[in-house]
């Protein structure tokens, strides 16, 4: 009788170990699972270089257009390898969706448009990619004293947008790239002569778009780190070393800003 009991206990122990091992394996697979990322915006989203992001990434990019326009006219985005949002957001559940407000809309319109996408992807983390102002109006727009009636890259507009979205969608996690603030902080360094650039325009390739080297290095890695991906220099080998050091310090600083990336887990005491 004792032998039978011992055999049963031994068998139970084996089953328990196998079960725990399987559960551990499944958890590991889940944590390593490829995340799906979808980006909606215009050329300021394209300047984050979505094609170089890791994991499963698609985008809908229409040049110079606002989110409202993209929502209402999804059929012919300027970036031809876009996956139309009307197809993408119906076809699968994304882990992360990035949206980029742009000039021409009101706060209420941006809240309404983004909310419609949140309703289609309620499980997703939503990133508000701030975009940035033209180099000629960068400082004026960022430090404007009067609250903007229409979309602006000033901090007050982005804060109000995220606040209202949180109120409407309390279960959704929101993050932001802080792209506009990065350029302001870079300009401060230039003005203090602590950055190897003569003017903030040096990271612009035209009136509003980033250079293919330092400018895109900064914005690509801001997007990566907002998503939760590691910083990279792959594809940006032409960025001068002294400039890369400065941009990396800026990106390090950005990680301390509010909702700039995945929430840091508390350390065990």
Protein backbone atom coordinates (compact mmCIF):
# COMPACT_ATOMS: atom_id res chain seq x y z
CA UNK A 1 0.00 0.00 0.00
CA UNK A 2 2.85 2.40 0.93
CA UNK A 3 4.54 1.66 -2.41
CA UNK A 4 1.33 2.60 -4.27
CA UNK A 5 1.05 5.87 -2.31
CA UNK A 6 4.71 6.69 -2.92
CA UNK A 7 4.28 5.97 -6.64
CA UNK A 8 1.21 8.20 -6.82
CA UNK A 9 3.01 11.02 -5.01
CA UNK A 10 6.02 10.63 -7.29
CA UNK A 11 3.76 10.75 -10.36
CA UNK A 12 1.96 13.81 -9.00
CA UNK A 13 5.30 15.51 -8.46
CA UNK A 14 6.35 14.79 -12.04
CA UNK A 15 3.05 16.17 -13.40
CA UNK A 16 3.43 19.31 -11.27
CA UNK A 17 7.00 19.91 -12.48
CA UNK A 18 6.00 19.42 -16.10
CA UNK A 19 3.07 21.79 -15.64
CA UNK A 20 5.23 24.48 -14.05
CA UNK A 21 7.84 24.09 -16.76
CA UNK A 22 5.21 24.43 -19.48
CA UNK A 23 3.68 27.50 -17.81
CA UNK A 24 7.12 29.10 -17.49
CA UNK A 25 7.82 28.39 -21.13
CA UNK A 26 4.50 29.90 -22.23
CA UNK A 27 5.15 33.03 -20.17
CA UNK A 28 8.60 33.40 -21.72
CA UNK A 29 7.12 33.02 -25.20
CA UNK A 30 4.47 35.61 -24.38
CA UNK A 31 7.02 38.14 -23.12
CA UNK A 32 9.16 37.58 -26.23
CA UNK A 33 6.20 37.75 -28.61
CA UNK A 34 6.59 40.20 -31.45
CA UNK A 35 4.66 43.39 -30.80
CA UNK A 36 2.53 44.94 -33.54
CA UNK A 37 2.90 48.68 -34.15
CA UNK A 38 0.82 50.96 -36.37
CA UNK A 39 1.57 54.62 -37.13
CA UNK A 40 -0.82 57.25 -38.51
CA UNK A 41 0.42 60.67 -39.55
CA UNK A 42 2.13 62.72 -42.22
CA UNK A 43 5.72 63.38 -43.21
CA UNK A 44 6.64 64.21 -39.61
CA UNK A 45 5.73 60.62 -38.81
CA UNK A 46 7.73 59.52 -41.86
CA UNK A 47 10.73 61.39 -40.39
CA UNK A 48 10.68 58.88 -37.50
CA UNK A 49 11.57 56.27 -40.16
CA UNK A 50 8.89 53.64 -39.41
CA UNK A 51 10.53 51.11 -41.73
CA UNK A 52 13.52 50.86 -39.36
CA UNK A 53 11.44 50.19 -36.27
CA UNK A 54 11.63 46.67 -34.91
CA UNK A 55 8.87 44.07 -34.67
CA UNK A 56 5.68 44.02 -36.77
CA UNK A 57 5.20 47.55 -38.11
CA UNK A 58 2.74 49.11 -40.56
CA UNK A 59 1.78 52.71 -41.24
CA UNK A 60 -0.64 55.08 -42.95
CA UNK A 61 1.26 58.24 -43.93
CA UNK A 62 -0.28 61.07 -45.96
CA UNK A 63 1.91 64.11 -46.55
CA UNK A 64 0.89 67.39 -44.98
CA UNK A 65 -2.45 66.06 -43.76
CA UNK A 66 -4.16 66.27 -40.38
CA UNK A 67 -5.62 63.29 -38.54
CA UNK A 68 -9.13 64.47 -39.39
CA UNK A 69 -8.29 64.54 -43.10
CA UNK A 70 -6.67 61.09 -42.93
CA UNK A 71 -9.75 59.71 -41.18
CA UNK A 72 -12.14 61.22 -43.70
CA UNK A 73 -10.02 60.59 -46.83
CA UNK A 74 -8.11 57.34 -46.27
CA UNK A 75 -7.93 56.13 -49.86
CA UNK A 76 -4.81 57.70 -51.39
CA UNK A 77 -1.96 58.39 -48.92
CA UNK A 78 1.18 59.89 -50.44
CA UNK A 79 3.37 57.06 -49.08
CA UNK A 80 2.37 54.30 -51.45
CA UNK A 81 3.43 51.38 -49.24
CA UNK A 82 1.01 52.51 -46.54
CA UNK A 83 -1.43 49.96 -45.16
CA UNK A 84 -4.69 51.90 -45.13
CA UNK A 85 -6.03 52.41 -41.62
CA UNK A 86 -9.47 51.30 -42.81
CA UNK A 87 -7.98 47.88 -43.53
CA UNK A 88 -5.27 47.62 -40.88
CA UNK A 89 -7.31 48.55 -37.82
CA UNK A 90 -10.07 46.13 -38.82
CA UNK A 91 -7.73 43.27 -39.70
CA UNK A 92 -5.89 42.79 -36.40
CA UNK A 93 -5.33 44.02 -32.89
CA UNK A 94 -2.24 46.19 -32.51
CA UNK A 95 -0.20 46.49 -29.35
CA UNK A 96 0.76 50.10 -30.07
CA UNK A 97 -0.83 52.78 -32.25
CA UNK A 98 0.93 56.10 -32.87
CA UNK A 99 -1.06 59.13 -34.05
CA UNK A 100 0.34 62.52 -35.05
CA UNK A 101 -1.83 65.65 -34.84
CA UNK A 102 -1.10 68.38 -37.39
CA UNK A 103 -2.12 71.91 -38.26
CA UNK A 104 -5.68 72.72 -39.31
CA UNK A 105 -7.77 70.94 -36.68
CA UNK A 106 -9.29 71.99 -33.38
CA UNK A 107 -8.68 70.24 -30.08
CA UNK A 108 -12.20 68.83 -30.16
CA UNK A 109 -11.67 67.45 -33.67
CA UNK A 110 -8.41 65.75 -32.70
CA UNK A 111 -10.02 64.21 -29.62
CA UNK A 112 -12.96 62.94 -31.68
CA UNK A 113 -10.78 61.49 -34.44
CA UNK A 114 -8.31 59.74 -32.14
CA UNK A 115 -11.19 58.44 -30.03
CA UNK A 116 -12.67 56.68 -33.06
CA UNK A 117 -9.39 54.81 -33.55
CA UNK A 118 -9.19 53.98 -29.85
CA UNK A 119 -12.66 52.47 -30.07
CA UNK A 120 -11.39 50.26 -32.90
CA UNK A 121 -8.25 49.30 -30.95
CA UNK A 122 -9.24 49.45 -27.25
CA UNK A 123 -6.43 47.09 -26.21
CA UNK A 124 -3.67 49.23 -27.75
CA UNK A 125 -1.28 51.68 -26.13
CA UNK A 126 -1.69 55.02 -27.92
CA UNK A 127 1.31 57.24 -28.63
CA UNK A 128 0.73 60.93 -29.33
CA UNK A 129 3.59 61.83 -31.66
CA UNK A 130 3.83 65.58 -31.17
CA UNK A 131 5.54 66.37 -34.43
CA UNK A 132 7.26 69.78 -34.44
CA UNK A 133 7.00 73.31 -35.80
CA UNK A 134 8.80 74.84 -38.74
CA UNK A 135 12.29 75.99 -37.83
CA UNK A 136 11.33 79.64 -38.38
CA UNK A 137 8.54 79.51 -35.77
CA UNK A 138 9.86 76.81 -33.44
CA UNK A 139 10.48 79.02 -30.38
CA UNK A 140 7.50 81.29 -30.96
CA UNK A 141 5.09 78.37 -31.21
CA UNK A 142 6.49 76.43 -28.26
CA UNK A 143 6.46 79.39 -25.85
CA UNK A 144 3.21 81.00 -27.05
CA UNK A 145 1.41 82.55 -24.09
CA UNK A 146 -2.11 82.33 -25.51
CA UNK A 147 -3.65 78.84 -25.72
CA UNK A 148 -3.97 77.80 -29.34
CA UNK A 149 -7.52 77.66 -30.71
CA UNK A 150 -6.34 75.29 -33.42
CA UNK A 151 -3.73 72.55 -33.41
CA UNK A 152 -0.34 73.81 -32.29
CA UNK A 153 2.85 72.12 -31.14
CA UNK A 154 2.86 74.17 -27.94
CA UNK A 155 2.93 72.01 -24.78
CA UNK A 156 -0.47 73.31 -23.61
CA UNK A 157 -2.20 71.86 -26.68
CA UNK A 158 -0.59 68.43 -26.35
CA UNK A 159 -1.33 68.34 -22.60
CA UNK A 160 -4.96 69.29 -23.18
CA UNK A 161 -5.28 66.65 -25.91
CA UNK A 162 -3.90 63.87 -23.72
CA UNK A 163 -5.94 65.02 -20.70
CA UNK A 164 -9.20 64.91 -22.65
CA UNK A 165 -8.33 61.55 -24.21
CA UNK A 166 -7.59 60.11 -20.76
CA UNK A 167 -10.95 61.35 -19.52
CA UNK A 168 -12.78 59.69 -22.41
CA UNK A 169 -10.68 56.52 -22.34
CA UNK A 170 -9.48 55.90 -18.75
CA UNK A 171 -8.45 52.30 -19.53
CA UNK A 172 -6.07 53.34 -22.35
CA UNK A 173 -2.37 53.97 -21.74
CA UNK A 174 -1.06 57.10 -23.44
CA UNK A 175 2.55 58.00 -24.22
CA UNK A 176 4.18 60.82 -26.18
CA UNK A 177 7.37 61.25 -28.19
CA UNK A 178 8.08 64.80 -26.91
CA UNK A 179 9.56 65.49 -30.36
CA UNK A 180 8.90 69.24 -30.23
CA UNK A 181 10.50 69.56 -26.80
CA UNK A 182 13.59 67.72 -28.02
CA UNK A 183 14.17 70.42 -30.63
CA UNK A 184 13.64 73.18 -28.06
CA UNK A 185 16.19 71.58 -25.72
CA UNK A 186 18.59 71.18 -28.65
CA UNK A 187 18.20 74.86 -29.48
CA UNK A 188 18.97 75.77 -25.87
CA UNK A 189 22.21 73.83 -26.14
CA UNK A 190 23.08 75.57 -29.41
CA UNK A 191 22.40 78.98 -27.87
CA UNK A 192 24.65 78.04 -24.95
CA UNK A 193 27.33 76.95 -27.46
CA UNK A 194 27.46 73.46 -25.93
CA UNK A 195 26.31 71.71 -29.12
CA UNK A 196 28.39 71.27 -32.31
CA UNK A 197 25.77 73.02 -34.47
CA UNK A 198 25.49 76.64 -35.50
CA UNK A 199 21.69 76.76 -35.43
CA UNK A 200 18.71 74.46 -34.87
CA UNK A 201 18.10 74.71 -38.62
CA UNK A 202 21.09 72.38 -39.01
CA UNK A 203 18.86 69.39 -38.12
CA UNK A 204 16.19 70.52 -40.61
CA UNK A 205 16.62 69.59 -44.29
CA UNK A 206 14.03 72.19 -45.33
CA UNK A 207 11.49 74.43 -43.61
CA UNK A 208 9.95 71.63 -41.50
CA UNK A 209 11.48 68.21 -42.19
CA UNK A 210 14.43 66.61 -40.42
CA UNK A 211 17.82 65.90 -42.00
CA UNK A 212 18.40 62.30 -43.04
CA UNK A 213 21.27 62.08 -40.54
CA UNK A 214 21.12 63.84 -37.14
CA UNK A 215 17.50 65.00 -37.38
CA UNK A 216 16.07 61.60 -38.22
CA UNK A 217 18.44 59.88 -35.78
CA UNK A 218 16.88 61.96 -33.00
CA UNK A 219 13.27 61.41 -34.05
CA UNK A 220 13.63 57.74 -34.94
CA UNK A 221 15.10 56.92 -31.55
CA UNK A 222 12.52 59.06 -29.76
CA UNK A 223 9.83 56.95 -31.39
CA UNK A 224 11.69 53.69 -30.68
CA UNK A 225 12.06 54.48 -27.00
CA UNK A 226 8.46 55.65 -26.68
CA UNK A 227 7.40 52.27 -28.05
CA UNK A 228 9.83 50.47 -25.75
CA UNK A 229 12.53 49.55 -28.27
CA UNK A 230 16.25 50.01 -27.78
CA UNK A 231 18.13 52.95 -29.24
CA UNK A 232 20.01 52.24 -32.44
CA UNK A 233 22.55 53.84 -34.77
CA UNK A 234 21.94 51.36 -37.58
CA UNK A 235 21.22 53.31 -40.73
CA UNK A 236 22.60 56.49 -39.19
CA UNK A 237 26.31 55.83 -39.58
CA UNK A 238 26.83 59.26 -41.19
CA UNK A 239 25.86 61.14 -38.03
CA UNK A 240 29.10 62.77 -36.74
CA UNK A 241 30.30 61.24 -33.47
CA UNK A 242 30.32 64.55 -31.58
CA UNK A 243 26.72 65.27 -32.64
CA UNK A 244 25.61 61.74 -31.77
CA UNK A 245 26.93 62.21 -28.23
CA UNK A 246 24.83 65.37 -27.85
CA UNK A 247 21.72 63.75 -29.32
CA UNK A 248 22.11 60.70 -27.08
CA UNK A 249 22.27 62.97 -24.04
CA UNK A 250 19.05 64.60 -25.20
CA UNK A 251 17.42 61.20 -25.62
CA UNK A 252 18.63 60.20 -22.15
CA UNK A 253 17.04 63.36 -20.77
CA UNK A 254 13.79 62.58 -22.63
CA UNK A 255 13.41 59.28 -20.74
CA UNK A 256 12.87 61.30 -17.53
CA UNK A 257 9.95 63.25 -19.01
CA UNK A 258 6.34 62.35 -18.34
CA UNK A 259 4.81 59.37 -20.25
CA UNK A 260 7.86 59.18 -22.53
CA UNK A 261 7.88 55.38 -22.69
CA UNK A 262 6.92 52.17 -20.90
CA UNK A 263 6.30 52.69 -17.20
CA UNK A 264 9.32 51.65 -15.16
CA UNK A 265 8.64 48.78 -12.83
CA UNK A 266 9.25 49.44 -9.15
CA UNK A 267 12.34 47.78 -7.70
CA UNK A 268 11.73 45.09 -5.11
CA UNK A 269 12.69 46.23 -1.62
